[in-house]
Amino acid sequence: MPAVPAVQFGLVDVRDVALAHIRAMCEPRSDGQRILVTSQPSFWFIDIANVLRHEFSSQAAQVLSRIGKQSNFDNSRVSDVVSLFFPKQH
């Protein structure tokens, strides 16, 4: 499969990340802690790609046509609304 690196990483639903943030704010034991919200075990990128290809085969051609092309996105809303800036401004 083109452009699939041999790496693995954890996955988590963004709704679970939000829930973890809310629970951590209410839990004194979380003070000063770095808490990883991630799946266990990790997933290989190729396995994720195969699932996505199976589930979204009709859209696969659109994704493959983007390989090697630069994408530009407007992230001004995250800066304006919640004051997060990317890349990070130090």
PDB file of N, CA and C in Angstrom:
ATOM      1  N   MET A   1       0.857  -1.177   0.000  1.00  0.00           N
ATOM      2  CA  MET A   1       0.000   0.000   0.000  1.00  0.00           C
ATOM      3  C   MET A   1       0.900   1.237   0.000  1.00  0.00           C
ATOM      4  N   PRO A   2       0.651   2.206  -0.876  1.00  0.00           N
ATOM      5  CA  PRO A   2       1.518   3.379  -0.936  1.00  0.00           C
ATOM      6  C   PRO A   2       1.396   4.250   0.313  1.00  0.00           C
ATOM      7  N   ALA A   3       2.508   4.812   0.705  1.00  0.00           N
ATOM      8  CA  ALA A   3       2.566   5.820   1.771  1.00  0.00           C
ATOM      9  C   ALA A   3       2.091   5.330   3.135  1.00  0.00           C
ATOM     10  N   VAL A   4       2.344   4.079   3.462  1.00  0.00           N
ATOM     11  CA  VAL A   4       1.973   3.570   4.782  1.00  0.00           C
ATOM     12  C   VAL A   4       3.254   3.276   5.558  1.00  0.00           C
ATOM     13  N   PRO A   5       3.593   4.128   6.525  1.00  0.00           N
ATOM     14  CA  PRO A   5       4.830   3.908   7.291  1.00  0.00           C
ATOM     15  C   PRO A   5       4.705   2.721   8.242  1.00  0.00           C
ATOM     16  N   ALA A   6       5.819   2.095   8.534  1.00  0.00           N
ATOM     17  CA  ALA A   6       5.849   0.949   9.451  1.00  0.00           C
ATOM     18  C   ALA A   6       5.962   1.462  10.884  1.00  0.00           C
ATOM     19  N   VAL A   7       4.879   2.032  11.362  1.00  0.00           N
ATOM     20  CA  VAL A   7       4.826   2.558  12.730  1.00  0.00           C
ATOM     21  C   VAL A   7       3.524   2.115  13.378  1.00  0.00           C
ATOM     22  N   GLN A   8       3.505   2.197  14.684  1.00  0.00           N
ATOM     23  CA  GLN A   8       2.265   1.919  15.402  1.00  0.00           C
ATOM     24  C   GLN A   8       2.032   3.014  16.428  1.00  0.00           C
ATOM     25  N   PHE A   9       0.770   3.192  16.783  1.00  0.00           N
ATOM     26  CA  PHE A   9       0.409   4.218  17.748  1.00  0.00           C
ATOM     27  C   PHE A   9      -0.938   3.876  18.354  1.00  0.00           C
ATOM     28  N   GLY A  10      -1.235   4.528  19.455  1.00  0.00           N
ATOM     29  CA  GLY A  10      -2.501   4.313  20.129  1.00  0.00           C
ATOM     30  C   GLY A  10      -3.590   5.184  19.527  1.00  0.00           C
ATOM     31  N   LEU A  11      -4.802   4.732  19.652  1.00  0.00           N
ATOM     32  CA  LEU A  11      -5.958   5.466  19.157  1.00  0.00           C
ATOM     33  C   LEU A  11      -6.958   5.648  20.286  1.00  0.00           C
ATOM     34  N   VAL A  12      -7.676   6.737  20.225  1.00  0.00           N
ATOM     35  CA  VAL A  12      -8.724   6.973  21.211  1.00  0.00           C
ATOM     36  C   VAL A  12      -9.761   7.908  20.590  1.00  0.00           C
ATOM     37  N   ASP A  13     -10.993   7.705  20.942  1.00  0.00           N
ATOM     38  CA  ASP A  13     -12.075   8.561  20.472  1.00  0.00           C
ATOM     39  C   ASP A  13     -11.960   9.916  21.171  1.00  0.00           C
ATOM     40  N   VAL A  14     -12.104  10.982  20.418  1.00  0.00           N
ATOM     41  CA  VAL A  14     -11.973  12.329  20.974  1.00  0.00           C
ATOM     42  C   VAL A  14     -12.990  12.572  22.095  1.00  0.00           C
ATOM     43  N   ARG A  15     -14.119  11.886  22.054  1.00  0.00           N
ATOM     44  CA  ARG A  15     -15.105  12.037  23.137  1.00  0.00           C
ATOM     45  C   ARG A  15     -14.569  11.462  24.439  1.00  0.00           C
ATOM     46  N   ASP A  16     -13.767  10.400  24.350  1.00  0.00           N
ATOM     47  CA  ASP A  16     -13.137   9.846  25.549  1.00  0.00           C
ATOM     48  C   ASP A  16     -12.056  10.779  26.078  1.00  0.00           C
ATOM     49  N   VAL A  17     -11.357  11.471  25.184  1.00  0.00           N
ATOM     50  CA  VAL A  17     -10.363  12.461  25.616  1.00  0.00           C
ATOM     51  C   VAL A  17     -11.060  13.586  26.383  1.00  0.00           C
ATOM     52  N   ALA A  18     -12.178  14.058  25.857  1.00  0.00           N
ATOM     53  CA  ALA A  18     -12.933  15.113  26.538  1.00  0.00           C
ATOM     54  C   ALA A  18     -13.412  14.639  27.904  1.00  0.00           C
ATOM     55  N   LEU A  19     -13.925  13.419  27.981  1.00  0.00           N
ATOM     56  CA  LEU A  19     -14.383  12.867  29.254  1.00  0.00           C
ATOM     57  C   LEU A  19     -13.230  12.756  30.245  1.00  0.00           C
ATOM     58  N   ALA A  20     -12.069  12.330  29.773  1.00  0.00           N
ATOM     59  CA  ALA A  20     -10.898  12.222  30.646  1.00  0.00           C
ATOM     60  C   ALA A  20     -10.502  13.590  31.194  1.00  0.00           C
ATOM     61  N   HIS A  21     -10.583  14.622  30.368  1.00  0.00           N
ATOM     62  CA  HIS A  21     -10.271  15.974  30.834  1.00  0.00           C
ATOM     63  C   HIS A  21     -11.236  16.413  31.934  1.00  0.00           C
ATOM     64  N   ILE A  22     -12.506  16.165  31.715  1.00  0.00           N
ATOM     65  CA  ILE A  22     -13.514  16.562  32.709  1.00  0.00           C
ATOM     66  C   ILE A  22     -13.302  15.812  34.018  1.00  0.00           C
ATOM     67  N   ARG A  23     -13.091  14.501  33.932  1.00  0.00           N
ATOM     68  CA  ARG A  23     -12.874  13.715  35.153  1.00  0.00           C
ATOM     69  C   ARG A  23     -11.594  14.137  35.868  1.00  0.00           C
ATOM     70  N   ALA A  24     -10.545  14.448  35.104  1.00  0.00           N
ATOM     71  CA  ALA A  24      -9.279  14.867  35.715  1.00  0.00           C
ATOM     72  C   ALA A  24      -9.437  16.189  36.458  1.00  0.00           C
ATOM     73  N   MET A  25     -10.269  17.081  35.930  1.00  0.00           N
ATOM     74  CA  MET A  25     -10.495  18.364  36.613  1.00  0.00           C
ATOM     75  C   MET A  25     -11.186  18.173  37.955  1.00  0.00           C
ATOM     76  N   CYS A  26     -11.934  17.091  38.092  1.00  0.00           N
ATOM     77  CA  CYS A  26     -12.681  16.821  39.324  1.00  0.00           C
ATOM     78  C   CYS A  26     -11.942  15.877  40.264  1.00  0.00           C
ATOM     79  N   GLU A  27     -10.786  15.383  39.868  1.00  0.00           N
ATOM     80  CA  GLU A  27     -10.053  14.381  40.640  1.00  0.00           C
ATOM     81  C   GLU A  27      -8.746  14.966  41.176  1.00  0.00           C
ATOM     82  N   PRO A  28      -8.655  15.183  42.493  1.00  0.00           N
ATOM     83  CA  PRO A  28      -7.437  15.760  43.074  1.00  0.00           C
ATOM     84  C   PRO A  28      -6.175  14.954  42.771  1.00  0.00           C
ATOM     85  N   ARG A  29      -6.282  13.635  42.626  1.00  0.00           N
ATOM     86  CA  ARG A  29      -5.092  12.824  42.342  1.00  0.00           C
ATOM     87  C   ARG A  29      -4.480  13.133  40.977  1.00  0.00           C
ATOM     88  N   SER A  30      -5.205  13.844  40.120  1.00  0.00           N
ATOM     89  CA  SER A  30      -4.669  14.174  38.800  1.00  0.00           C
ATOM     90  C   SER A  30      -3.783  15.418  38.820  1.00  0.00           C
ATOM     91  N   ASP A  31      -3.772  16.157  39.936  1.00  0.00           N
ATOM     92  CA  ASP A  31      -2.969  17.383  40.022  1.00  0.00           C
ATOM     93  C   ASP A  31      -1.504  17.105  39.715  1.00  0.00           C
ATOM     94  N   GLY A  32      -0.956  17.820  38.752  1.00  0.00           N
ATOM     95  CA  GLY A  32       0.446  17.686  38.395  1.00  0.00           C
ATOM     96  C   GLY A  32       0.792  16.416  37.644  1.00  0.00           C
ATOM     97  N   GLN A  33      -0.204  15.641  37.269  1.00  0.00           N
ATOM     98  CA  GLN A  33       0.035  14.363  36.598  1.00  0.00           C
ATOM     99  C   GLN A  33      -0.052  14.511  35.079  1.00  0.00           C
ATOM    100  N   ARG A  34       0.732  13.715  34.384  1.00  0.00           N
ATOM    101  CA  ARG A  34       0.613  13.569  32.933  1.00  0.00           C
ATOM    102  C   ARG A  34      -0.099  12.243  32.711  1.00  0.00           C
ATOM    103  N   ILE A  35      -1.299  12.307  32.202  1.00  0.00           N
ATOM    104  CA  ILE A  35      -2.133  11.118  32.043  1.00  0.00           C
ATOM    105  C   ILE A  35      -2.336  10.862  30.554  1.00  0.00           C
ATOM    106  N   LEU A  36      -1.894   9.696  30.101  1.00  0.00           N
ATOM    107  CA  LEU A  36      -2.042   9.345  28.689  1.00  0.00           C
ATOM    108  C   LEU A  36      -3.399   8.695  28.445  1.00  0.00           C
ATOM    109  N   VAL A  37      -4.145   9.267  27.548  1.00  0.00           N
ATOM    110  CA  VAL A  37      -5.427   8.706  27.143  1.00  0.00           C
ATOM    111  C   VAL A  37      -5.190   8.054  25.783  1.00  0.00           C
ATOM    112  N   THR A  38      -5.027   6.744  25.792  1.00  0.00           N
ATOM    113  CA  THR A  38      -4.682   6.036  24.564  1.00  0.00           C
ATOM    114  C   THR A  38      -5.123   4.584  24.650  1.00  0.00           C
ATOM    115  N   SER A  39      -5.162   3.959  23.498  1.00  0.00           N
ATOM    116  CA  SER A  39      -5.539   2.545  23.465  1.00  0.00           C
ATOM    117  C   SER A  39      -4.386   1.680  23.941  1.00  0.00           C
ATOM    118  N   GLN A  40      -4.718   0.494  24.354  1.00  0.00           N
ATOM    119  CA  GLN A  40      -3.714  -0.493  24.748  1.00  0.00           C
ATOM    120  C   GLN A  40      -4.231  -1.840  24.279  1.00  0.00           C
ATOM    121  N   PRO A  41      -3.614  -2.480  23.328  1.00  0.00           N
ATOM    122  CA  PRO A  41      -2.297  -2.193  22.753  1.00  0.00           C
ATOM    123  C   PRO A  41      -2.383  -1.141  21.652  1.00  0.00           C
ATOM    124  N   SER A  42      -1.211  -0.777  21.130  1.00  0.00           N
ATOM    125  CA  SER A  42      -1.127   0.135  19.994  1.00  0.00           C
ATOM    126  C   SER A  42      -1.531  -0.600  18.721  1.00  0.00           C
ATOM    127  N   PHE A  43      -1.762   0.165  17.671  1.00  0.00           N
ATOM    128  CA  PHE A  43      -2.160  -0.405  16.386  1.00  0.00           C
ATOM    129  C   PHE A  43      -1.112  -0.074  15.327  1.00  0.00           C
ATOM    130  N   TRP A  44      -0.836  -1.032  14.442  1.00  0.00           N
ATOM    131  CA  TRP A  44       0.047  -0.775  13.312  1.00  0.00           C
ATOM    132  C   TRP A  44      -0.700   0.065  12.290  1.00  0.00           C
ATOM    133  N   PHE A  45      -0.004   1.016  11.705  1.00  0.00           N
ATOM    134  CA  PHE A  45      -0.591   1.903  10.708  1.00  0.00           C
ATOM    135  C   PHE A  45      -1.195   1.101   9.553  1.00  0.00           C
ATOM    136  N   ILE A  46      -0.526   0.042   9.106  1.00  0.00           N
ATOM    137  CA  ILE A  46      -1.027  -0.765   7.993  1.00  0.00           C
ATOM    138  C   ILE A  46      -2.355  -1.430   8.349  1.00  0.00           C
ATOM    139  N   ASP A  47      -2.519  -1.850   9.610  1.00  0.00           N
ATOM    140  CA  ASP A  47      -3.785  -2.462  10.032  1.00  0.00           C
ATOM    141  C   ASP A  47      -4.909  -1.431  10.025  1.00  0.00           C
ATOM    142  N   ILE A  48      -4.605  -0.227  10.479  1.00  0.00           N
ATOM    143  CA  ILE A  48      -5.597   0.853  10.447  1.00  0.00           C
ATOM    144  C   ILE A  48      -5.961   1.169   8.998  1.00  0.00           C
ATOM    145  N   ALA A  49      -4.948   1.249   8.142  1.00  0.00           N
ATOM    146  CA  ALA A  49      -5.188   1.538   6.725  1.00  0.00           C
ATOM    147  C   ALA A  49      -6.070   0.474   6.084  1.00  0.00           C
ATOM    148  N   ASN A  50      -5.845  -0.788   6.421  1.00  0.00           N
ATOM    149  CA  ASN A  50      -6.657  -1.868   5.849  1.00  0.00           C
ATOM    150  C   ASN A  50      -8.106  -1.784   6.298  1.00  0.00           C
ATOM    151  N   VAL A  51      -8.340  -1.456   7.564  1.00  0.00           N
ATOM    152  CA  VAL A  51      -9.714  -1.287   8.050  1.00  0.00           C
ATOM    153  C   VAL A  51     -10.381  -0.121   7.332  1.00  0.00           C
ATOM    154  N   LEU A  52      -9.666   0.994   7.235  1.00  0.00           N
ATOM    155  CA  LEU A  52     -10.233   2.161   6.562  1.00  0.00           C
ATOM    156  C   LEU A  52     -10.517   1.876   5.089  1.00  0.00           C
ATOM    157  N   ARG A  53      -9.612   1.153   4.437  1.00  0.00           N
ATOM    158  CA  ARG A  53      -9.821   0.815   3.025  1.00  0.00           C
ATOM    159  C   ARG A  53     -11.071  -0.052   2.872  1.00  0.00           C
ATOM    160  N   HIS A  54     -11.262  -0.999   3.778  1.00  0.00           N
ATOM    161  CA  HIS A  54     -12.439  -1.872   3.720  1.00  0.00           C
ATOM    162  C   HIS A  54     -13.719  -1.080   3.978  1.00  0.00           C
ATOM    163  N   GLU A  55     -13.701  -0.235   5.001  1.00  0.00           N
ATOM    164  CA  GLU A  55     -14.907   0.499   5.397  1.00  0.00           C
ATOM    165  C   GLU A  55     -15.247   1.658   4.454  1.00  0.00           C
ATOM    166  N   PHE A  56     -14.229   2.244   3.840  1.00  0.00           N
ATOM    167  CA  PHE A  56     -14.443   3.442   3.028  1.00  0.00           C
ATOM    168  C   PHE A  56     -13.859   3.295   1.629  1.00  0.00           C
ATOM    169  N   SER A  57     -14.027   2.115   1.040  1.00  0.00           N
ATOM    170  CA  SER A  57     -13.409   1.848  -0.262  1.00  0.00           C
ATOM    171  C   SER A  57     -13.857   2.827  -1.340  1.00  0.00           C
ATOM    172  N   SER A  58     -15.089   3.300  -1.286  1.00  0.00           N
ATOM    173  CA  SER A  58     -15.565   4.217  -2.326  1.00  0.00           C
ATOM    174  C   SER A  58     -14.857   5.570  -2.266  1.00  0.00           C
ATOM    175  N   GLN A  59     -14.346   5.945  -1.097  1.00  0.00           N
ATOM    176  CA  GLN A  59     -13.634   7.214  -0.964  1.00  0.00           C
ATOM    177  C   GLN A  59     -12.119   7.060  -1.118  1.00  0.00           C
ATOM    178  N   ALA A  60     -11.619   5.834  -1.239  1.00  0.00           N
ATOM    179  CA  ALA A  60     -10.176   5.581  -1.260  1.00  0.00           C
ATOM    180  C   ALA A  60      -9.476   6.303  -2.405  1.00  0.00           C
ATOM    181  N   ALA A  61     -10.086   6.352  -3.572  1.00  0.00           N
ATOM    182  CA  ALA A  61      -9.449   7.004  -4.718  1.00  0.00           C
ATOM    183  C   ALA A  61      -9.201   8.479  -4.440  1.00  0.00           C
ATOM    184  N   GLN A  62     -10.103   9.115  -3.717  1.00  0.00           N
ATOM    185  CA  GLN A  62      -9.925  10.531  -3.385  1.00  0.00           C
ATOM    186  C   GLN A  62      -8.719  10.726  -2.477  1.00  0.00           C
ATOM    187  N   VAL A  63      -8.529   9.827  -1.525  1.00  0.00           N
ATOM    188  CA  VAL A  63      -7.398   9.926  -0.606  1.00  0.00           C
ATOM    189  C   VAL A  63      -6.098   9.688  -1.356  1.00  0.00           C
ATOM    190  N   LEU A  64      -6.047   8.635  -2.155  1.00  0.00           N
ATOM    191  CA  LEU A  64      -4.830   8.316  -2.896  1.00  0.00           C
ATOM    192  C   LEU A  64      -4.438   9.434  -3.845  1.00  0.00           C
ATOM    193  N   SER A  65      -5.412  10.155  -4.373  1.00  0.00           N
ATOM    194  CA  SER A  65      -5.086  11.243  -5.289  1.00  0.00           C
ATOM    195  C   SER A  65      -4.417  12.412  -4.573  1.00  0.00           C
ATOM    196  N   ARG A  66      -4.433  12.431  -3.237  1.00  0.00           N
ATOM    197  CA  ARG A  66      -3.822  13.517  -2.458  1.00  0.00           C
ATOM    198  C   ARG A  66      -2.369  13.225  -2.092  1.00  0.00           C
ATOM    199  N   ILE A  67      -1.890  12.009  -2.298  1.00  0.00           N
ATOM    200  CA  ILE A  67      -0.525  11.652  -1.917  1.00  0.00           C
ATOM    201  C   ILE A  67       0.455  12.516  -2.694  1.00  0.00           C
ATOM    202  N   GLY A  68       1.379  13.120  -1.965  1.00  0.00           N
ATOM    203  CA  GLY A  68       2.400  13.958  -2.576  1.00  0.00           C
ATOM    204  C   GLY A  68       1.965  15.387  -2.850  1.00  0.00           C
ATOM    205  N   LYS A  69       0.742  15.734  -2.481  1.00  0.00           N
ATOM    206  CA  LYS A  69       0.240  17.089  -2.701  1.00  0.00           C
ATOM    207  C   LYS A  69       0.112  17.810  -1.360  1.00  0.00           C
ATOM    208  N   GLN A  70       0.432  19.085  -1.360  1.00  0.00           N
ATOM    209  CA  GLN A  70       0.343  19.883  -0.139  1.00  0.00           C
ATOM    210  C   GLN A  70      -1.104  20.278   0.121  1.00  0.00           C
ATOM    211  N   SER A  71      -1.485  20.266   1.404  1.00  0.00           N
ATOM    212  CA  SER A  71      -2.814  20.707   1.813  1.00  0.00           C
ATOM    213  C   SER A  71      -2.673  21.946   2.688  1.00  0.00           C
ATOM    214  N   ASN A  72      -3.566  22.878   2.525  1.00  0.00           N
ATOM    215  CA  ASN A  72      -3.592  24.080   3.355  1.00  0.00           C
ATOM    216  C   ASN A  72      -4.952  24.170   4.026  1.00  0.00           C
ATOM    217  N   PHE A  73      -4.943  24.526   5.311  1.00  0.00           N
ATOM    218  CA  PHE A  73      -6.173  24.596   6.081  1.00  0.00           C
ATOM    219  C   PHE A  73      -6.251  25.937   6.794  1.00  0.00           C
ATOM    220  N   ASP A  74      -7.441  26.408   7.019  1.00  0.00           N
ATOM    221  CA  ASP A  74      -7.658  27.644   7.771  1.00  0.00           C
ATOM    222  C   ASP A  74      -7.930  27.274   9.220  1.00  0.00           C
ATOM    223  N   ASN A  75      -6.954  27.527  10.093  1.00  0.00           N
ATOM    224  CA  ASN A  75      -7.130  27.214  11.513  1.00  0.00           C
ATOM    225  C   ASN A  75      -7.337  28.477  12.339  1.00  0.00           C
ATOM    226  N   SER A  76      -7.799  29.548  11.716  1.00  0.00           N
ATOM    227  CA  SER A  76      -7.967  30.813  12.431  1.00  0.00           C
ATOM    228  C   SER A  76      -9.018  30.724  13.537  1.00  0.00           C
ATOM    229  N   ARG A  77      -9.992  29.858  13.392  1.00  0.00           N
ATOM    230  CA  ARG A  77     -11.049  29.775  14.404  1.00  0.00           C
ATOM    231  C   ARG A  77     -10.510  29.275  15.742  1.00  0.00           C
ATOM    232  N   VAL A  78      -9.602  28.288  15.713  1.00  0.00           N
ATOM    233  CA  VAL A  78      -9.047  27.787  16.973  1.00  0.00           C
ATOM    234  C   VAL A  78      -8.233  28.881  17.657  1.00  0.00           C
ATOM    235  N   SER A  79      -7.588  29.736  16.876  1.00  0.00           N
ATOM    236  CA  SER A  79      -6.837  30.856  17.451  1.00  0.00           C
ATOM    237  C   SER A  79      -7.782  31.911  18.008  1.00  0.00           C
ATOM    238  N   ASP A  80      -8.791  32.260  17.221  1.00  0.00           N
ATOM    239  CA  ASP A  80      -9.725  33.307  17.629  1.00  0.00           C
ATOM    240  C   ASP A  80     -10.595  32.903  18.807  1.00  0.00           C
ATOM    241  N   VAL A  81     -11.093  31.681  18.798  1.00  0.00           N
ATOM    242  CA  VAL A  81     -12.081  31.265  19.793  1.00  0.00           C
ATOM    243  C   VAL A  81     -11.449  30.765  21.082  1.00  0.00           C
ATOM    244  N   VAL A  82     -10.416  29.930  20.989  1.00  0.00           N
ATOM    245  CA  VAL A  82      -9.847  29.341  22.213  1.00  0.00           C
ATOM    246  C   VAL A  82      -8.370  29.666  22.410  1.00  0.00           C
ATOM    247  N   SER A  83      -7.856  30.614  21.633  1.00  0.00           N
ATOM    248  CA  SER A  83      -6.482  31.119  21.803  1.00  0.00           C
ATOM    249  C   SER A  83      -5.410  30.038  21.758  1.00  0.00           C
ATOM    250  N   LEU A  84      -5.559  29.090  20.839  1.00  0.00           N
ATOM    251  CA  LEU A  84      -4.504  28.114  20.574  1.00  0.00           C
ATOM    252  C   LEU A  84      -3.900  28.455  19.223  1.00  0.00           C
ATOM    253  N   PHE A  85      -2.566  28.413  19.154  1.00  0.00           N
ATOM    254  CA  PHE A  85      -1.871  28.815  17.942  1.00  0.00           C
ATOM    255  C   PHE A  85      -0.957  27.694  17.469  1.00  0.00           C
ATOM    256  N   PHE A  86      -0.984  27.419  16.167  1.00  0.00           N
ATOM    257  CA  PHE A  86      -0.163  26.371  15.579  1.00  0.00           C
ATOM    258  C   PHE A  86       0.524  26.920  14.344  1.00  0.00           C
ATOM    259  N   PRO A  87       1.852  26.773  14.204  1.00  0.00           N
ATOM    260  CA  PRO A  87       2.709  26.160  15.217  1.00  0.00           C
ATOM    261  C   PRO A  87       2.730  26.997  16.488  1.00  0.00           C
ATOM    262  N   LYS A  88       3.132  26.345  17.577  1.00  0.00           N
ATOM    263  CA  LYS A  88       3.138  27.003  18.880  1.00  0.00           C
ATOM    264  C   LYS A  88       3.969  28.273  18.820  1.00  0.00           C
ATOM    265  N   GLN A  89       3.439  29.343  19.394  1.00  0.00           N
ATOM    266  CA  GLN A  89       4.179  30.600  19.497  1.00  0.00           C
ATOM    267  C   GLN A  89       4.725  30.698  20.906  1.00  0.00           C
ATOM    268  N   HIS A  90       6.032  30.773  21.028  1.00  0.00           N
ATOM    269  CA  HIS A  90       6.654  30.785  22.361  1.00  0.00           C
ATOM    270  C   HIS A  90       7.021  32.178  22.765  1.00  0.00           C
TER     271      HIS A  90
END
